[in-house]
Amino acid sequence: TVHVTYRPVTRADLDAARSPVGVAIPDLGLRVLNSTLQPVPIGVPGELYVAGEGLARGYLGQAALTAQRFIAAEGGKRLYRTGDRVRWSPQGELEYLGRIDHQVKIRGFRIELGEIEAQLLAQPEVREALVLVHERESGARLVAYLSPQGGRAIDTAQLRKRLGQGLPQYMVPAAMVVLAQGLPLNANGKVDRKALAQLGMGQGAEGENGEGPAQGNESEAGRAYEAPRGALEQALAQIWAQVLGLQRVGRHDNFFEIGGDSIVALKLLARMNQSMAAEHAFSLQDLMQKQTIAQLLCDAPAASAPLLPIQRLAAGANASAMPLFCIAPALRNVLDYQPLADALGADRPVYGLCCTELSRIDAIEALAAYHVELVRSVYPHGPVALLGWSLGATEAVYMARLFEPEGREVVFLGMVDSFVMHGGIVPYDWREEARAFLADWVDGRAIDQLIEVLGTADMACMESVHRTTQAANAVAAQWGIGAGQSDLVEKFMAYRRLDAAIQVLPPLPALHAVPHVWWRKDRPVPEMQALARQLGGRLHQGASIGASHRQIIQHADLLQGCRQALRQAGKPAVAR
């Protein structure tokens, strides 16, 4: 190993929660640069580059590797990129944070594992910390491996809560494994990552005799594991484990903390309701309100809990800040906004708005008025921030039009891959929409039959709509689409009626608010141009997002763009 820094090591360094590596040796220079090769400020992580007289000419006989690692700099000089993540301390020393190649991407979020490890090492009860990514069928998850400081106990539930105060929720490890004997080392004295990977996720600490992993009392969520009680809890736990790709699930494990999300929730509900008796039917609302097996079955009534039209998705570290209200599309649910709420929760409260009586509403203006009343019920005064996705984006415009005449300024109006009225250039195909919508619940053969039946409806005749809905429900029942999903057909038919009504509306209302618009990258340009015309050309064009229509709302680039736009919302314009 070639060294480029030095530092006298003291006994205090053994207990430090950071890794200082000192300063450059005399014939070398060190630079900490960002991805565009610009210097970063003190305390900001960057990549370490080496310069100076002591720099080698390259790798002997390895031209390709030399070209990759040795880059040209100003004045004919060269820099060597180390691949190490570091930052300057206020004392002028380098602190080592980890390797650049330990940067990972999970569900669209680019994550520095070293940043998570640094936060863990800053906790007084943690002596060692390493974070790894575990891949499985339900998706990638972060798992932290920890050893305690001086024999202190590590309460992983409290530790996760403290991490959430300094890190975005998507960077908080989904599971934590405490190793009382310390992290395993390989023959070179470095942490044995392969051995840690074999320990699994949340399966307990290393055995007392050091002979390998023992079945411990740690759950997937990093809290004390408690086994399911009784046949019903055991049956649910087995279904949860199968859907989430886990070895076991405790009765107090939170669905959303052990790898669940809005898409997985739909699959889980389908499996539960196909396997459980009718008196134990569950709805999406049940899972949102009762997120553990114990809660789902604790004094559970025979009927599902009523769906609430407004959901608080994030309380917000600053509860007095202007909240963001997110309008769910007709065919989706507010759970899709949860990653965005997690990302913004440090700044403000976040609410989700849906419609519990969609089948009774056949005009976008009525739906907008309904949701405006919901906003007033929790936030009666002050400027308003709205975010809509798909058809929800169109509705957000109509909501803004209702707020502005009463003197409430709409300081943020976000439109994500918006529905385009008045003919979008690409003809609307409801069959394609139905197929995408139903794919979360049923297989292809059932979808084909349902679409065939749905296509017989005359959307201008309520009697025809009702008759078709009953026929489609009969088909759904034949395919085992049971309780908790019985509103699928009604929901889609209501969406078709709403869409038909929208197509004959007058142009979008004029607004004082200037919308922020984000599109998926493959959205046809004529549709984007059509919406711009409908908005009078007044819009803030956000980045094009490399995601599908369904996935765009949870993409990291969108979350970052929304956060920046919201932080600017309401600030006075600077005179030029």
Foldseek 3Di string as FASTA:
>chain_A
DDDFADDDDDPVVQLDLFAWHHAGDDFKHKAFAAPVRHGDDAPDKGWIKMFGPPDDPADPPCVPRRPVAWAADPPRTIIGTDQWIWGAHPVGTIITQGGVVCFDAWLQDTDRQSVLQSLVSVDNFFNGKGWDWDQDDLTIFIEMETETDPPDDDAQVVVLVVVLLVDQNRNRGLAYEYAHVDADADPVRHGDVVLVVVLPGQQYYADPVNPHHDRHQGFNNGHGAAAFDDDVLNVLQVLLCVLLVHPTHGQPRFSVSNRDAQLSLLVSLLVPLLPDDQQLREAPQLCVVQGGNCSSPPPHGSDYDQDDQKAWLACAPPNPDAEEEEEEPLLGFCRLLNLLCSLCRPPYIYMYGYDSPLLVDQELLVVLVVVLVVCCVVPVDEAYEYAYAEQGLLSLLSNQVVQVVVPHHHLAREYEQYHFEQDDPDDDDLLVVQCVSCVSNADDVLSVVLSVLCVQADLVDVVSLVVSLVVSLVSCVVRSRDPNCSCNSSSSSSSVSNNVNRRPDDFRDAHPHAYEYEEAPPDDPSRVVSVCVSHVVRHHYAYHHPDDSSSVSNHPSVSVVVNVSVVCGPDDDDDD
